[in-house]
N, C-alpha and C. Protein backbone atom coordinates (compact mmCIF):
# COMPACT_ATOMS: atom_id res chain seq x y z
N MET A 1 24.57 -44.70 17.20
CA MET A 1 23.46 -44.13 16.49
C MET A 1 22.29 -43.90 17.44
N ALA A 2 21.42 -42.99 17.05
CA ALA A 2 20.28 -42.65 17.90
C ALA A 2 19.21 -43.72 17.79
N GLU A 3 18.58 -43.96 18.93
CA GLU A 3 17.48 -44.91 18.95
C GLU A 3 16.22 -44.25 18.43
N THR A 4 15.46 -44.98 17.70
CA THR A 4 14.17 -44.46 17.28
C THR A 4 13.11 -45.09 18.16
N ARG A 5 12.31 -44.23 18.75
CA ARG A 5 11.22 -44.70 19.60
C ARG A 5 9.92 -44.54 18.85
N THR A 6 9.14 -45.51 18.92
CA THR A 6 7.83 -45.42 18.30
C THR A 6 6.80 -45.19 19.39
N HIS A 7 5.88 -44.31 19.10
CA HIS A 7 4.81 -44.01 20.06
C HIS A 7 3.57 -44.77 19.64
N GLN A 8 2.99 -45.40 20.57
CA GLN A 8 1.75 -46.10 20.29
C GLN A 8 0.63 -45.34 20.95
N TYR A 9 -0.02 -44.52 20.14
CA TYR A 9 -1.06 -43.64 20.66
C TYR A 9 -2.32 -44.41 21.05
N THR A 10 -2.43 -45.61 20.58
CA THR A 10 -3.62 -46.38 20.96
C THR A 10 -3.56 -46.81 22.42
N GLN A 11 -2.36 -46.83 22.98
CA GLN A 11 -2.22 -47.24 24.37
C GLN A 11 -2.26 -46.05 25.33
N ALA A 12 -2.14 -44.82 24.82
CA ALA A 12 -2.16 -43.63 25.67
C ALA A 12 -3.59 -43.26 26.00
N SER A 13 -3.78 -42.76 27.19
CA SER A 13 -5.13 -42.35 27.59
C SER A 13 -5.42 -40.96 27.03
N PRO A 14 -6.66 -40.70 26.63
CA PRO A 14 -6.99 -39.38 26.08
C PRO A 14 -6.97 -38.31 27.16
N LEU A 15 -6.79 -37.07 26.72
CA LEU A 15 -6.83 -35.95 27.66
C LEU A 15 -8.26 -35.77 28.15
N PRO A 16 -8.40 -35.31 29.36
CA PRO A 16 -9.77 -35.05 29.86
C PRO A 16 -10.44 -33.95 29.03
N ALA A 17 -11.73 -34.04 28.89
CA ALA A 17 -12.49 -33.08 28.08
C ALA A 17 -12.34 -31.67 28.63
N ALA A 18 -12.25 -31.52 29.94
CA ALA A 18 -12.10 -30.20 30.54
C ALA A 18 -10.77 -29.57 30.12
N THR A 19 -9.72 -30.37 30.04
CA THR A 19 -8.41 -29.85 29.64
C THR A 19 -8.43 -29.43 28.17
N VAL A 20 -9.02 -30.25 27.32
CA VAL A 20 -9.12 -29.92 25.90
C VAL A 20 -9.93 -28.64 25.73
N SER A 21 -11.03 -28.54 26.44
CA SER A 21 -11.88 -27.34 26.36
C SER A 21 -11.11 -26.10 26.83
N LEU A 22 -10.36 -26.24 27.91
CA LEU A 22 -9.57 -25.13 28.43
C LEU A 22 -8.52 -24.69 27.41
N LEU A 23 -7.84 -25.63 26.78
CA LEU A 23 -6.81 -25.29 25.80
C LEU A 23 -7.41 -24.60 24.57
N ILE A 24 -8.54 -25.11 24.10
CA ILE A 24 -9.18 -24.50 22.93
C ILE A 24 -9.68 -23.10 23.27
N ASN A 25 -10.29 -22.94 24.43
CA ASN A 25 -10.77 -21.61 24.84
C ASN A 25 -9.62 -20.62 24.98
N ASN A 26 -8.50 -21.09 25.53
CA ASN A 26 -7.32 -20.23 25.68
C ASN A 26 -6.79 -19.81 24.30
N PHE A 27 -6.75 -20.74 23.36
CA PHE A 27 -6.30 -20.42 22.00
C PHE A 27 -7.22 -19.39 21.35
N VAL A 28 -8.52 -19.60 21.45
CA VAL A 28 -9.48 -18.67 20.85
C VAL A 28 -9.36 -17.29 21.49
N LEU A 29 -9.21 -17.24 22.81
CA LEU A 29 -9.09 -15.97 23.52
C LEU A 29 -7.83 -15.22 23.09
N ASN A 30 -6.70 -15.91 23.05
CA ASN A 30 -5.44 -15.26 22.65
C ASN A 30 -5.48 -14.81 21.20
N THR A 31 -6.06 -15.62 20.34
CA THR A 31 -6.15 -15.26 18.93
C THR A 31 -7.05 -14.05 18.73
N SER A 32 -8.18 -14.02 19.41
CA SER A 32 -9.09 -12.87 19.25
C SER A 32 -8.48 -11.60 19.83
N ARG A 33 -7.74 -11.71 20.92
CA ARG A 33 -7.06 -10.52 21.46
C ARG A 33 -6.03 -9.98 20.47
N PHE A 34 -5.26 -10.90 19.89
CA PHE A 34 -4.27 -10.47 18.90
C PHE A 34 -4.95 -9.81 17.71
N LEU A 35 -6.00 -10.43 17.18
CA LEU A 35 -6.68 -9.87 16.02
C LEU A 35 -7.30 -8.51 16.33
N ASN A 36 -7.87 -8.36 17.52
CA ASN A 36 -8.44 -7.06 17.90
C ASN A 36 -7.37 -5.98 17.97
N SER A 37 -6.23 -6.29 18.56
CA SER A 37 -5.16 -5.28 18.64
C SER A 37 -4.59 -4.99 17.25
N PHE A 38 -4.52 -6.01 16.40
CA PHE A 38 -4.03 -5.81 15.04
C PHE A 38 -4.97 -4.92 14.25
N VAL A 39 -6.27 -5.15 14.36
CA VAL A 39 -7.26 -4.33 13.66
C VAL A 39 -7.20 -2.89 14.16
N GLN A 40 -7.05 -2.71 15.47
CA GLN A 40 -6.97 -1.36 16.02
C GLN A 40 -5.74 -0.64 15.48
N SER A 41 -4.61 -1.34 15.43
CA SER A 41 -3.39 -0.74 14.89
C SER A 41 -3.56 -0.36 13.42
N CYS A 42 -4.18 -1.26 12.65
CA CYS A 42 -4.41 -0.97 11.22
C CYS A 42 -5.34 0.22 11.05
N ASP A 43 -6.39 0.30 11.87
CA ASP A 43 -7.32 1.44 11.78
C ASP A 43 -6.62 2.76 12.08
N GLU A 44 -5.75 2.76 13.09
CA GLU A 44 -5.03 3.98 13.44
C GLU A 44 -4.09 4.40 12.31
N LYS A 45 -3.40 3.44 11.73
CA LYS A 45 -2.48 3.77 10.63
C LYS A 45 -3.25 4.24 9.40
N LEU A 46 -4.38 3.60 9.13
CA LEU A 46 -5.20 4.00 7.99
C LEU A 46 -5.76 5.40 8.19
N ALA A 47 -6.15 5.73 9.41
CA ALA A 47 -6.64 7.08 9.69
C ALA A 47 -5.53 8.11 9.49
N GLY A 48 -4.31 7.76 9.87
CA GLY A 48 -3.17 8.66 9.66
C GLY A 48 -2.89 8.89 8.19
N VAL A 49 -2.95 7.83 7.40
CA VAL A 49 -2.72 7.95 5.96
C VAL A 49 -3.84 8.78 5.33
N SER A 50 -5.07 8.55 5.76
CA SER A 50 -6.20 9.32 5.23
C SER A 50 -6.04 10.80 5.54
N SER A 51 -5.58 11.11 6.74
CA SER A 51 -5.35 12.51 7.12
C SER A 51 -4.26 13.14 6.25
N LYS A 52 -3.19 12.40 6.01
CA LYS A 52 -2.10 12.92 5.17
C LYS A 52 -2.57 13.14 3.74
N ILE A 53 -3.39 12.22 3.21
CA ILE A 53 -3.92 12.38 1.86
C ILE A 53 -4.81 13.61 1.79
N SER A 54 -5.62 13.82 2.81
CA SER A 54 -6.49 14.99 2.85
C SER A 54 -5.66 16.28 2.86
N ASN A 55 -4.58 16.29 3.63
CA ASN A 55 -3.71 17.46 3.66
C ASN A 55 -3.07 17.71 2.29
N VAL A 56 -2.64 16.66 1.62
CA VAL A 56 -2.04 16.81 0.30
C VAL A 56 -3.06 17.34 -0.70
N GLU A 57 -4.29 16.83 -0.64
CA GLU A 57 -5.34 17.33 -1.53
C GLU A 57 -5.62 18.81 -1.30
N THR A 58 -5.64 19.22 -0.03
CA THR A 58 -5.85 20.63 0.29
C THR A 58 -4.71 21.48 -0.25
N MET A 59 -3.49 21.01 -0.06
CA MET A 59 -2.33 21.76 -0.56
C MET A 59 -2.34 21.83 -2.08
N MET A 60 -2.76 20.76 -2.75
CA MET A 60 -2.85 20.78 -4.21
C MET A 60 -3.90 21.78 -4.68
N THR A 61 -5.03 21.84 -3.99
CA THR A 61 -6.08 22.79 -4.35
C THR A 61 -5.57 24.23 -4.21
N ILE A 62 -4.87 24.50 -3.12
CA ILE A 62 -4.31 25.84 -2.91
C ILE A 62 -3.29 26.17 -3.99
N LEU A 63 -2.42 25.21 -4.30
CA LEU A 63 -1.41 25.43 -5.33
C LEU A 63 -2.05 25.67 -6.69
N GLU A 64 -3.08 24.90 -7.02
CA GLU A 64 -3.76 25.10 -8.30
C GLU A 64 -4.41 26.48 -8.36
N ALA A 65 -4.97 26.94 -7.24
CA ALA A 65 -5.58 28.27 -7.21
C ALA A 65 -4.52 29.34 -7.40
N LYS A 66 -3.36 29.17 -6.78
CA LYS A 66 -2.28 30.15 -6.95
C LYS A 66 -1.78 30.17 -8.39
N LEU A 67 -1.64 28.99 -8.98
CA LEU A 67 -1.18 28.93 -10.36
C LEU A 67 -2.21 29.52 -11.32
N ALA A 68 -3.49 29.33 -11.01
CA ALA A 68 -4.53 29.87 -11.88
C ALA A 68 -4.56 31.39 -11.82
N SER A 69 -4.08 31.97 -10.72
CA SER A 69 -4.10 33.43 -10.60
C SER A 69 -2.96 34.09 -11.38
N VAL A 70 -1.96 33.32 -11.77
CA VAL A 70 -0.85 33.86 -12.55
C VAL A 70 -1.29 33.95 -14.01
N PRO A 71 -1.14 35.14 -14.63
CA PRO A 71 -1.55 35.27 -16.03
C PRO A 71 -0.66 34.44 -16.95
N ASP A 72 -1.26 33.91 -17.98
CA ASP A 72 -0.57 33.11 -18.99
C ASP A 72 0.18 31.92 -18.38
N ALA A 73 -0.38 31.30 -17.40
CA ALA A 73 0.27 30.15 -16.78
C ALA A 73 -0.57 28.89 -16.92
N ASP A 74 -1.46 28.89 -17.91
CA ASP A 74 -2.28 27.70 -18.13
C ASP A 74 -1.42 26.63 -18.79
N PRO A 75 -1.21 25.49 -18.16
CA PRO A 75 -0.33 24.47 -18.73
C PRO A 75 -0.82 23.94 -20.07
N ALA A 76 -2.13 23.90 -20.29
CA ALA A 76 -2.65 23.40 -21.57
C ALA A 76 -2.26 24.35 -22.70
N GLU A 77 -2.36 25.65 -22.45
CA GLU A 77 -1.98 26.62 -23.47
C GLU A 77 -0.47 26.62 -23.69
N ALA A 78 0.29 26.44 -22.65
CA ALA A 78 1.75 26.46 -22.76
C ALA A 78 2.24 25.31 -23.62
N SER A 79 1.63 24.15 -23.50
CA SER A 79 2.10 23.01 -24.29
C SER A 79 1.75 23.19 -25.76
N THR A 80 0.61 23.82 -26.08
CA THR A 80 0.26 24.03 -27.49
C THR A 80 1.11 25.14 -28.10
N THR A 81 1.43 26.18 -27.32
CA THR A 81 2.26 27.26 -27.86
C THR A 81 3.70 26.79 -28.03
N ASP A 82 4.18 25.91 -27.16
CA ASP A 82 5.54 25.40 -27.30
C ASP A 82 5.66 24.58 -28.58
N ALA A 83 4.66 23.79 -28.88
CA ALA A 83 4.72 22.95 -30.08
C ALA A 83 4.64 23.79 -31.34
N SER A 84 3.82 24.86 -31.32
CA SER A 84 3.70 25.69 -32.53
C SER A 84 4.88 26.64 -32.67
N ALA A 85 5.53 27.00 -31.57
CA ALA A 85 6.65 27.93 -31.63
C ALA A 85 7.94 27.24 -32.06
N ALA A 86 8.00 25.94 -31.92
CA ALA A 86 9.23 25.23 -32.29
C ALA A 86 9.35 25.19 -33.80
N PRO A 87 10.54 25.47 -34.33
CA PRO A 87 10.71 25.43 -35.78
C PRO A 87 10.65 24.00 -36.28
N ALA A 88 10.14 23.87 -37.49
CA ALA A 88 10.07 22.54 -38.09
C ALA A 88 11.47 22.10 -38.45
N PRO A 89 11.80 20.84 -38.26
CA PRO A 89 13.15 20.38 -38.59
C PRO A 89 13.36 20.44 -40.10
N SER A 90 14.49 20.99 -40.48
CA SER A 90 14.79 21.11 -41.91
C SER A 90 15.48 19.84 -42.37
N PRO A 91 15.14 19.42 -43.56
CA PRO A 91 15.80 18.21 -44.06
C PRO A 91 17.27 18.50 -44.35
N GLY A 92 18.12 17.70 -43.80
CA GLY A 92 19.56 17.88 -43.99
C GLY A 92 20.02 17.17 -45.25
N PRO A 93 21.26 17.36 -45.60
CA PRO A 93 21.78 16.67 -46.79
C PRO A 93 21.77 15.17 -46.54
N SER A 94 21.39 14.46 -47.56
CA SER A 94 21.34 13.01 -47.41
C SER A 94 22.73 12.44 -47.64
N ASN A 95 22.97 11.33 -47.02
CA ASN A 95 24.27 10.68 -47.16
C ASN A 95 24.31 9.77 -48.38
N GLY A 96 23.27 9.74 -49.12
CA GLY A 96 23.25 8.91 -50.32
C GLY A 96 23.18 7.43 -49.99
N GLY A 97 22.66 7.12 -48.83
CA GLY A 97 22.52 5.72 -48.45
C GLY A 97 23.82 5.10 -47.97
N VAL A 98 24.85 5.90 -47.69
CA VAL A 98 26.13 5.35 -47.25
C VAL A 98 26.23 5.36 -45.77
């Protein structure tokens, strides 16, 4: 079976303050570099999405203008005329509740 070793940290000497400071500064530096590159990447992707949305909005405006130039192509009028043009359903013979 494996031996279990117990560490007695009270007997170990502490790390020098300069070493602790160096490690903390290195951690902060690496973390801030990562976060800066991450933010830059997110900004670039967000700008790309914004550009694509702008292009879609422009294309929708052009399409709406083209559709508006076609006579009798108003979708609001088409839906009301379709509903009024449809024949009313006629009552069929009843099954007598069977």
